[in-house]
Amino acid sequence: KLYYTLLQRMSSENVYPFAGDFRLLDK
């Protein structure tokens, strides 16, 4: 939780906490 909080504040891009690689991606 601490890591994702820091990463969101540091990054200019959206960070989705606890969202891993388990996902469906369109082509």
PDB file of all heavy atoms in Angstrom:
ATOM      1  N   LYS A   1       0.829  -1.210   0.000  1.00  0.00           N
ATOM      2  CA  LYS A   1       0.000   0.000   0.000  1.00  0.00           C
ATOM      3  C   LYS A   1       0.859   1.255   0.000  1.00  0.00           C
ATOM      4  O   LYS A   1       0.577   2.222  -0.731  1.00  0.00           O
ATOM      5  CB  LYS A   1      -0.905  -0.006   1.231  1.00  0.00           C
ATOM      6  CG  LYS A   1      -1.864   1.173   1.292  1.00  0.00           C
ATOM      7  CD  LYS A   1      -2.784   1.080   2.506  1.00  0.00           C
ATOM      8  CE  LYS A   1      -3.747   2.256   2.555  1.00  0.00           C
ATOM      9  NZ  LYS A   1      -4.653   2.175   3.736  1.00  0.00           N
ATOM     10  N   LEU A   2       1.936   1.251   0.794  1.00  0.00           N
ATOM     11  CA  LEU A   2       2.836   2.398   0.851  1.00  0.00           C
ATOM     12  C   LEU A   2       3.493   2.637  -0.502  1.00  0.00           C
ATOM     13  O   LEU A   2       3.598   3.775  -0.972  1.00  0.00           O
ATOM     14  CB  LEU A   2       3.896   2.169   1.926  1.00  0.00           C
ATOM     15  CG  LEU A   2       4.976   3.248   2.060  1.00  0.00           C
ATOM     16  CD1 LEU A   2       4.353   4.579   2.444  1.00  0.00           C
ATOM     17  CD2 LEU A   2       6.036   2.825   3.068  1.00  0.00           C
ATOM     18  N   TYR A   3       3.925   1.555  -1.145  1.00  0.00           N
ATOM     19  CA  TYR A   3       4.594   1.678  -2.443  1.00  0.00           C
ATOM     20  C   TYR A   3       3.670   2.308  -3.481  1.00  0.00           C
ATOM     21  O   TYR A   3       4.058   3.241  -4.191  1.00  0.00           O
ATOM     22  CB  TYR A   3       5.069   0.306  -2.916  1.00  0.00           C
ATOM     23  CG  TYR A   3       5.450   0.288  -4.374  1.00  0.00           C
ATOM     24  CD1 TYR A   3       6.593   0.946  -4.819  1.00  0.00           C
ATOM     25  CD2 TYR A   3       4.654  -0.361  -5.322  1.00  0.00           C
ATOM     26  CE1 TYR A   3       6.940   0.960  -6.155  1.00  0.00           C
ATOM     27  CE2 TYR A   3       4.997  -0.354  -6.656  1.00  0.00           C
ATOM     28  CZ  TYR A   3       6.142   0.297  -7.067  1.00  0.00           C
ATOM     29  OH  TYR A   3       6.483   0.301  -8.390  1.00  0.00           O
ATOM     30  N   TYR A   4       2.446   1.807  -3.586  1.00  0.00           N
ATOM     31  CA  TYR A   4       1.530   2.341  -4.587  1.00  0.00           C
ATOM     32  C   TYR A   4       1.156   3.788  -4.303  1.00  0.00           C
ATOM     33  O   TYR A   4       0.946   4.590  -5.222  1.00  0.00           O
ATOM     34  CB  TYR A   4       0.276   1.473  -4.678  1.00  0.00           C
ATOM     35  CG  TYR A   4       0.474   0.225  -5.491  1.00  0.00           C
ATOM     36  CD1 TYR A   4       0.442  -1.030  -4.891  1.00  0.00           C
ATOM     37  CD2 TYR A   4       0.718   0.291  -6.857  1.00  0.00           C
ATOM     38  CE1 TYR A   4       0.643  -2.184  -5.635  1.00  0.00           C
ATOM     39  CE2 TYR A   4       0.908  -0.858  -7.609  1.00  0.00           C
ATOM     40  CZ  TYR A   4       0.869  -2.092  -6.999  1.00  0.00           C
ATOM     41  OH  TYR A   4       1.057  -3.225  -7.735  1.00  0.00           O
ATOM     42  N   THR A   5       1.083   4.147  -3.016  1.00  0.00           N
ATOM     43  CA  THR A   5       0.804   5.533  -2.662  1.00  0.00           C
ATOM     44  C   THR A   5       1.934   6.447  -3.123  1.00  0.00           C
ATOM     45  O   THR A   5       1.698   7.509  -3.723  1.00  0.00           O
ATOM     46  CB  THR A   5       0.603   5.667  -1.144  1.00  0.00           C
ATOM     47  OG1 THR A   5      -0.501   4.846  -0.725  1.00  0.00           O
ATOM     48  CG2 THR A   5       0.321   7.113  -0.765  1.00  0.00           C
ATOM     49  N   LEU A   6       3.174   6.035  -2.843  1.00  0.00           N
ATOM     50  CA  LEU A   6       4.331   6.828  -3.268  1.00  0.00           C
ATOM     51  C   LEU A   6       4.426   6.907  -4.784  1.00  0.00           C
ATOM     52  O   LEU A   6       4.694   7.968  -5.349  1.00  0.00           O
ATOM     53  CB  LEU A   6       5.612   6.219  -2.690  1.00  0.00           C
ATOM     54  CG  LEU A   6       5.803   6.326  -1.177  1.00  0.00           C
ATOM     55  CD1 LEU A   6       7.054   5.563  -0.745  1.00  0.00           C
ATOM     56  CD2 LEU A   6       5.899   7.781  -0.741  1.00  0.00           C
ATOM     57  N   LEU A   7       4.196   5.770  -5.459  1.00  0.00           N
ATOM     58  CA  LEU A   7       4.313   5.749  -6.909  1.00  0.00           C
ATOM     59  C   LEU A   7       3.278   6.662  -7.559  1.00  0.00           C
ATOM     60  O   LEU A   7       3.580   7.372  -8.519  1.00  0.00           O
ATOM     61  CB  LEU A   7       4.145   4.312  -7.421  1.00  0.00           C
ATOM     62  CG  LEU A   7       4.303   4.109  -8.928  1.00  0.00           C
ATOM     63  CD1 LEU A   7       5.684   4.559  -9.392  1.00  0.00           C
ATOM     64  CD2 LEU A   7       4.073   2.644  -9.300  1.00  0.00           C
ATOM     65  N   GLN A   8       2.053   6.680  -7.018  1.00  0.00           N
ATOM     66  CA  GLN A   8       1.013   7.538  -7.580  1.00  0.00           C
ATOM     67  C   GLN A   8       1.368   9.013  -7.418  1.00  0.00           C
ATOM     68  O   GLN A   8       1.120   9.824  -8.326  1.00  0.00           O
ATOM     69  CB  GLN A   8      -0.327   7.239  -6.910  1.00  0.00           C
ATOM     70  CG  GLN A   8      -1.489   8.084  -7.436  1.00  0.00           C
ATOM     71  CD  GLN A   8      -1.795   7.806  -8.893  1.00  0.00           C
ATOM     72  OE1 GLN A   8      -2.445   6.841  -9.251  1.00  0.00           O
ATOM     73  NE2 GLN A   8      -1.298   8.673  -9.782  1.00  0.00           N
ATOM     74  N   ARG A   9       1.944   9.358  -6.275  1.00  0.00           N
ATOM     75  CA  ARG A   9       2.299  10.752  -6.035  1.00  0.00           C
ATOM     76  C   ARG A   9       3.498  11.194  -6.860  1.00  0.00           C
ATOM     77  O   ARG A   9       3.621  12.360  -7.226  1.00  0.00           O
ATOM     78  CB  ARG A   9       2.577  10.973  -4.550  1.00  0.00           C
ATOM     79  CG  ARG A   9       1.316  10.833  -3.692  1.00  0.00           C
ATOM     80  CD  ARG A   9       1.609  11.107  -2.235  1.00  0.00           C
ATOM     81  NE  ARG A   9       0.385  11.013  -1.435  1.00  0.00           N
ATOM     82  CZ  ARG A   9       0.341  11.198  -0.121  1.00  0.00           C
ATOM     83  NH1 ARG A   9       1.461  11.486   0.541  1.00  0.00           N
ATOM     84  NH2 ARG A   9      -0.803  11.100   0.527  1.00  0.00           N
ATOM     85  N   MET A  10       4.397  10.243  -7.151  1.00  0.00           N
ATOM     86  CA  MET A  10       5.603  10.586  -7.907  1.00  0.00           C
ATOM     87  C   MET A  10       5.361  10.611  -9.413  1.00  0.00           C
ATOM     88  O   MET A  10       6.005  11.359 -10.141  1.00  0.00           O
ATOM     89  CB  MET A  10       6.719   9.580  -7.608  1.00  0.00           C
ATOM     90  CG  MET A  10       7.311   9.688  -6.228  1.00  0.00           C
ATOM     91  SD  MET A  10       8.673   8.503  -6.017  1.00  0.00           S
ATOM     92  CE  MET A  10       9.190   8.906  -4.349  1.00  0.00           C
ATOM     93  N   SER A  11       4.464   9.757  -9.882  1.00  0.00           N
ATOM     94  CA  SER A  11       4.288   9.579 -11.323  1.00  0.00           C
ATOM     95  C   SER A  11       3.252  10.542 -11.870  1.00  0.00           C
ATOM     96  O   SER A  11       2.267  10.873 -11.214  1.00  0.00           O
ATOM     97  CB  SER A  11       3.862   8.136 -11.618  1.00  0.00           C
ATOM     98  OG  SER A  11       3.597   7.971 -13.002  1.00  0.00           O
ATOM     99  N   SER A  12       3.481  10.961 -13.104  1.00  0.00           N
ATOM    100  CA  SER A  12       2.502  11.794 -13.793  1.00  0.00           C
ATOM    101  C   SER A  12       1.443  10.948 -14.486  1.00  0.00           C
ATOM    102  O   SER A  12       0.454  11.474 -14.989  1.00  0.00           O
ATOM    103  CB  SER A  12       3.215  12.666 -14.842  1.00  0.00           C
ATOM    104  OG  SER A  12       3.902  11.854 -15.788  1.00  0.00           O
ATOM    105  N   GLU A  13       1.663   9.615 -14.525  1.00  0.00           N
ATOM    106  CA  GLU A  13       0.701   8.702 -15.139  1.00  0.00           C
ATOM    107  C   GLU A  13      -0.207   8.106 -14.065  1.00  0.00           C
ATOM    108  O   GLU A  13       0.132   8.078 -12.885  1.00  0.00           O
ATOM    109  CB  GLU A  13       1.440   7.570 -15.870  1.00  0.00           C
ATOM    110  CG  GLU A  13       2.525   8.040 -16.816  1.00  0.00           C
ATOM    111  CD  GLU A  13       1.995   8.892 -17.943  1.00  0.00           C
ATOM    112  OE1 GLU A  13       0.806   8.741 -18.277  1.00  0.00           O
ATOM    113  OE2 GLU A  13       2.764   9.709 -18.489  1.00  0.00           O
ATOM    114  N   ASN A  14      -1.364   7.618 -14.501  1.00  0.00           N
ATOM    115  CA  ASN A  14      -2.272   6.959 -13.576  1.00  0.00           C
ATOM    116  C   ASN A  14      -1.701   5.619 -13.131  1.00  0.00           C
ATOM    117  O   ASN A  14      -1.215   4.829 -13.940  1.00  0.00           O
ATOM    118  CB  ASN A  14      -3.631   6.735 -14.230  1.00  0.00           C
ATOM    119  CG  ASN A  14      -4.414   8.034 -14.388  1.00  0.00           C
ATOM    120  OD1 ASN A  14      -4.270   8.946 -13.577  1.00  0.00           O
ATOM    121  ND2 ASN A  14      -5.215   8.119 -15.427  1.00  0.00           N
ATOM    122  N   VAL A  15      -1.752   5.371 -11.835  1.00  0.00           N
ATOM    123  CA  VAL A  15      -1.332   4.086 -11.276  1.00  0.00           C
ATOM    124  C   VAL A  15      -2.552   3.454 -10.629  1.00  0.00           C
ATOM    125  O   VAL A  15      -3.280   4.117  -9.882  1.00  0.00           O
ATOM    126  CB  VAL A  15      -0.216   4.277 -10.226  1.00  0.00           C
ATOM    127  CG1 VAL A  15       0.159   2.941  -9.611  1.00  0.00           C
ATOM    128  CG2 VAL A  15       1.001   4.934 -10.855  1.00  0.00           C
ATOM    129  N   TYR A  16      -2.782   2.187 -10.939  1.00  0.00           N
ATOM    130  CA  TYR A  16      -3.963   1.497 -10.440  1.00  0.00           C
ATOM    131  C   TYR A  16      -3.530   0.536  -9.334  1.00  0.00           C
ATOM    132  O   TYR A  16      -3.027  -0.548  -9.620  1.00  0.00           O
ATOM    133  CB  TYR A  16      -4.662   0.747 -11.576  1.00  0.00           C
ATOM    134  CG  TYR A  16      -5.095   1.683 -12.685  1.00  0.00           C
ATOM    135  CD1 TYR A  16      -4.247   1.991 -13.736  1.00  0.00           C
ATOM    136  CD2 TYR A  16      -6.343   2.277 -12.656  1.00  0.00           C
ATOM    137  CE1 TYR A  16      -4.638   2.858 -14.749  1.00  0.00           C
ATOM    138  CE2 TYR A  16      -6.754   3.151 -13.668  1.00  0.00           C
ATOM    139  CZ  TYR A  16      -5.886   3.432 -14.708  1.00  0.00           C
ATOM    140  OH  TYR A  16      -6.267   4.295 -15.700  1.00  0.00           O
ATOM    141  N   PRO A  17      -3.697   0.930  -8.065  1.00  0.00           N
ATOM    142  CA  PRO A  17      -3.220   0.108  -6.948  1.00  0.00           C
ATOM    143  C   PRO A  17      -3.836  -1.288  -6.964  1.00  0.00           C
ATOM    144  O   PRO A  17      -5.028  -1.464  -7.216  1.00  0.00           O
ATOM    145  CB  PRO A  17      -3.658   0.902  -5.710  1.00  0.00           C
ATOM    146  CG  PRO A  17      -3.819   2.304  -6.193  1.00  0.00           C
ATOM    147  CD  PRO A  17      -4.305   2.185  -7.598  1.00  0.00           C
ATOM    148  N   PHE A  18      -2.980  -2.267  -6.704  1.00  0.00           N
ATOM    149  CA  PHE A  18      -3.385  -3.676  -6.568  1.00  0.00           C
ATOM    150  C   PHE A  18      -3.945  -4.253  -7.873  1.00  0.00           C
ATOM    151  O   PHE A  18      -4.543  -5.322  -7.863  1.00  0.00           O
ATOM    152  CB  PHE A  18      -4.389  -3.845  -5.429  1.00  0.00           C
ATOM    153  CG  PHE A  18      -3.908  -3.260  -4.132  1.00  0.00           C
ATOM    154  CD1 PHE A  18      -4.479  -2.101  -3.621  1.00  0.00           C
ATOM    155  CD2 PHE A  18      -2.872  -3.852  -3.450  1.00  0.00           C
ATOM    156  CE1 PHE A  18      -4.023  -1.548  -2.429  1.00  0.00           C
ATOM    157  CE2 PHE A  18      -2.405  -3.314  -2.257  1.00  0.00           C
ATOM    158  CZ  PHE A  18      -2.970  -2.166  -1.754  1.00  0.00           C
ATOM    159  N   ALA A  19      -3.793  -3.525  -8.977  1.00  0.00           N
ATOM    160  CA  ALA A  19      -4.160  -4.071 -10.292  1.00  0.00           C
ATOM    161  C   ALA A  19      -2.906  -4.670 -10.903  1.00  0.00           C
ATOM    162  O   ALA A  19      -1.967  -3.959 -11.247  1.00  0.00           O
ATOM    163  CB  ALA A  19      -4.728  -2.980 -11.186  1.00  0.00           C
ATOM    164  N   GLY A  20      -2.884  -5.977 -11.026  1.00  0.00           N
ATOM    165  CA  GLY A  20      -1.703  -6.648 -11.547  1.00  0.00           C
ATOM    166  C   GLY A  20      -1.824  -6.916 -13.037  1.00  0.00           C
ATOM    167  O   GLY A  20      -2.425  -6.147 -13.792  1.00  0.00           O
ATOM    168  N   ASP A  21      -1.274  -8.044 -13.456  1.00  0.00           N
ATOM    169  CA  ASP A  21      -1.269  -8.410 -14.867  1.00  0.00           C
ATOM    170  C   ASP A  21      -2.489  -9.231 -15.257  1.00  0.00           C
ATOM    171  O   ASP A  21      -2.668  -9.539 -16.434  1.00  0.00           O
ATOM    172  CB  ASP A  21       0.002  -9.198 -15.186  1.00  0.00           C
ATOM    173  CG  ASP A  21       1.254  -8.386 -14.919  1.00  0.00           C
ATOM    174  OD1 ASP A  21       1.346  -7.264 -15.435  1.00  0.00           O
ATOM    175  OD2 ASP A  21       2.136  -8.871 -14.171  1.00  0.00           O
ATOM    176  N   PHE A  22      -3.312  -9.605 -14.295  1.00  0.00           N
ATOM    177  CA  PHE A  22      -4.517 -10.383 -14.581  1.00  0.00           C
ATOM    178  C   PHE A  22      -5.544  -9.453 -15.209  1.00  0.00           C
ATOM    179  O   PHE A  22      -6.209  -8.686 -14.529  1.00  0.00           O
ATOM    180  CB  PHE A  22      -5.046 -11.003 -13.298  1.00  0.00           C
ATOM    181  CG  PHE A  22      -6.230 -11.914 -13.500  1.00  0.00           C
ATOM    182  CD1 PHE A  22      -6.418 -12.618 -14.673  1.00  0.00           C
ATOM    183  CD2 PHE A  22      -7.165 -12.081 -12.488  1.00  0.00           C
ATOM    184  CE1 PHE A  22      -7.510 -13.456 -14.846  1.00  0.00           C
ATOM    185  CE2 PHE A  22      -8.257 -12.921 -12.642  1.00  0.00           C
ATOM    186  CZ  PHE A  22      -8.430 -13.600 -13.836  1.00  0.00           C
ATOM    187  N   ARG A  23      -5.680  -9.526 -16.537  1.00  0.00           N
ATOM    188  CA  ARG A  23      -6.548  -8.602 -17.246  1.00  0.00           C
ATOM    189  C   ARG A  23      -6.805  -9.099 -18.662  1.00  0.00           C
ATOM    190  O   ARG A  23      -6.103  -9.965 -19.171  1.00  0.00           O
ATOM    191  CB  ARG A  23      -5.936  -7.201 -17.301  1.00  0.00           C
ATOM    192  CG  ARG A  23      -4.597  -7.137 -17.994  1.00  0.00           C
ATOM    193  CD  ARG A  23      -4.039  -5.718 -17.950  1.00  0.00           C
ATOM    194  NE  ARG A  23      -3.767  -5.277 -16.607  1.00  0.00           N
ATOM    195  CZ  ARG A  23      -3.911  -4.031 -16.175  1.00  0.00           C
ATOM    196  NH1 ARG A  23      -4.334  -3.087 -16.990  1.00  0.00           N
ATOM    197  NH2 ARG A  23      -3.623  -3.693 -14.932  1.00  0.00           N
ATOM    198  N   LEU A  24      -7.828  -8.527 -19.265  1.00  0.00           N
ATOM    199  CA  LEU A  24      -8.117  -8.744 -20.679  1.00  0.00           C
ATOM    200  C   LEU A  24      -7.754  -7.471 -21.424  1.00  0.00           C
ATOM    201  O   LEU A  24      -8.176  -6.372 -21.046  1.00  0.00           O
ATOM    202  CB  LEU A  24      -9.588  -9.086 -20.889  1.00  0.00           C
ATOM    203  CG  LEU A  24     -10.035  -9.362 -22.333  1.00  0.00           C
ATOM    204  CD1 LEU A  24     -11.183 -10.367 -22.360  1.00  0.00           C
ATOM    205  CD2 LEU A  24     -10.475  -8.076 -23.060  1.00  0.00           C
ATOM    206  N   LEU A  25      -6.983  -7.635 -22.501  1.00  0.00           N
ATOM    207  CA  LEU A  25      -6.550  -6.510 -23.314  1.00  0.00           C
ATOM    208  C   LEU A  25      -7.042  -6.683 -24.740  1.00  0.00           C
ATOM    209  O   LEU A  25      -6.842  -7.752 -25.347  1.00  0.00           O
ATOM    210  CB  LEU A  25      -5.023  -6.397 -23.312  1.00  0.00           C
ATOM    211  CG  LEU A  25      -4.353  -6.101 -21.975  1.00  0.00           C
ATOM    212  CD1 LEU A  25      -2.855  -6.311 -22.073  1.00  0.00           C
ATOM    213  CD2 LEU A  25      -4.667  -4.680 -21.515  1.00  0.00           C
ATOM    214  N   ASP A  26      -7.675  -5.652 -25.264  1.00  0.00           N
ATOM    215  CA  ASP A  26      -8.072  -5.673 -26.657  1.00  0.00           C
ATOM    216  C   ASP A  26      -6.830  -5.671 -27.548  1.00  0.00           C
ATOM    217  O   ASP A  26      -5.733  -5.278 -27.121  1.00  0.00           O
ATOM    218  CB  ASP A  26      -8.931  -4.440 -26.952  1.00  0.00           C
ATOM    219  CG  ASP A  26      -9.488  -4.444 -28.363  1.00  0.00           C
ATOM    220  OD1 ASP A  26     -10.538  -5.078 -28.582  1.00  0.00           O
ATOM    221  OD2 ASP A  26      -8.857  -3.814 -29.243  1.00  0.00           O
ATOM    222  N   LYS A  27      -7.002  -6.117 -28.779  1.00  0.00           N
ATOM    223  CA  LYS A  27      -5.871  -6.191 -29.701  1.00  0.00           C
ATOM    224  C   LYS A  27      -5.198  -4.843 -29.884  1.00  0.00           C
ATOM    225  O   LYS A  27      -3.977  -4.763 -30.069  1.00  0.00           O
ATOM    226  CB  LYS A  27      -6.341  -6.737 -31.051  1.00  0.00           C
ATOM    227  CG  LYS A  27      -5.217  -7.064 -32.011  1.00  0.00           C
ATOM    228  CD  LYS A  27      -5.735  -7.760 -33.257  1.00  0.00           C
ATOM    229  CE  LYS A  27      -4.583  -8.165 -34.171  1.00  0.00           C
ATOM    230  NZ  LYS A  27      -5.070  -8.910 -35.359  1.00  0.00           N
TER     231      LYS A  27
END
